[in-house]
Amino acid sequence: MGRVKSLSNSGSFVLRKDNQNAKGEYQVYIQYSLDRKIAKDKTDVWVKEKEWNDKAQKVRSVHPQSVRLNKILDKKKNDIDALILDFPSEKRLTIDVLRSMVRGEYNVNEEKNQDFVQLAVDNLEALYKTEKIGISVRDNGLNGLKLFRTFLLEELGEDSISVADMTEDIVDSYIIWRKNKRNNINATINKTLTPLMKAAKLAARKGLMEASVADAISEKYLPIKTKLSDEDAEDEDVRYLTKEQLSKFVALYNVVKYPRTREYMDMFLFAFHACGLRFSDILTLQWMHVDLEKHKLKKVLYKGQVPHEITLNDAALKILEQWKMKKRSNRFVFALLPDDFNLADEEELKRMRINKNTPIKVSLKALGHKIGDLSFNLTMHVARHTFAVFALNNGVDVHKVSRLLAHSSVMVTEKVYAKFLPETLQKEVETKLNFDFTPDYNTAVD
């Protein structure tokens, strides 16, 4: 649409009277106007002033070669018009491009020579502006593309590569480089392959890359292990605190020696009260994610990068208000990360997850021993399981529990917490499904 609006009119022919040849003829020029700028070029047609019809834009029939000359002019204009018509609608036609078209210098293949990485960057920005991806996905993608440029510079000697030169072999080499030079795991590599795959598909749609090449690039995802980390795993062996054990945990709050231990206990209890929030989201929780007045928490979850919203209960709000008064951080609620931390740096965030969780594990393990009757180590993930078990045993519908836990489907919730459902189901049958549509067997005739 932008291209059509900015092109003020179609091409026209002009008889240039400032350059006359020995025969008294003037050369015919063709010109186009774009944003009040002119793109013009000479033609091979020379005629006398009386032989040119400016209104009809053609050579008059009085010229003995009028038919042939008009065909030359028509072809010149039709060729330029075709280039303009075929110009990609998603791109803005600039005066420089138009001038190259008018001069016959424009080559469709020039599009194939553009920087593939820049194409990927532009595509990410376009997806973000149209709200098809979030800011974290965009920033992660841009950081991944910077790393791809580093690979190109180290391996090929230049930090760019044309669309025409982008092949599946380049992607294979990049994957090997990531594994050998950066020691990245498959899951990390896959995240940075996504922008390259999207750019390849875009190039194929624009006719700049063979569809077979784009398809081959799009199939480069690496297999990842199905076993999840301690924090992310939703084990069938669900470890949770009973009400009595959780009460003992709370009773230790004002007994423990170190203030830092109490802070770790706050994080555990908040994870429990905030509908089983994972440690990764406790770590990255920012004050902008919390609305204390509306009792809401809205955040894009670390796992899966999906938007999540929950209502905060009174206990969760009480913990947040205590931390608000601490003023430990202007950005992160529990001050586990510095205010200027770059959340888009996946490798550093992964490292911080491990580093910050280690002392918490040590403290919680010690607290678990003080509770006295635990058959497992107390961890932040126990808070998540405890919330889920409490919710199910209190009669909360499994579909609602699944949403609060941000599971990908209710089947995940049912699988993980299967052994806790029968008790709830039994109550449902006994109290809500105990219909009595049976005959009176005492009066039945044998």
Foldseek 3Di string as FASTA:
>chain_A
DQQVVQFPDAKAKDFDPPDADPVQWTWIKIWTAGNNDIQIDTFPDIGHPVQADRVVRAGHPVDVCRVVRRVRVVVLRVQLVVCSVLPDPVDHDDPVQSNCSSHVNDDPLVLQFDWLLVLLLVVLVVCVVVVVDDPLLSLLQNVLSQVQLVVCCVPVVGSTGGNNPDALVSVVSVVVCCCVVVVDDLVSSQSNLVSSLVSLVVCVVSVSDPPVRSVSSNPPRDDDDPDDDPQPDLDLPAAADDPLLVVLLVVCLVVDDDPVLNLLSLLLVLCLQLLNQTVLCLLQPWPVQDDLVQQKGWDQHPPPRHIAMDGGDPSNSVSQVVQVVVPCANTRSSVLDHNPDDPSPVVVSVVSSVVSQVVSQVSQQVSSVVSPDGPDRDGSNNSNSHNLLVCLLVQNDLQVSCRSSVPPHSVSSCSSCVVSNVNNVVCCCVPPVVDDPDDDPVPDDD
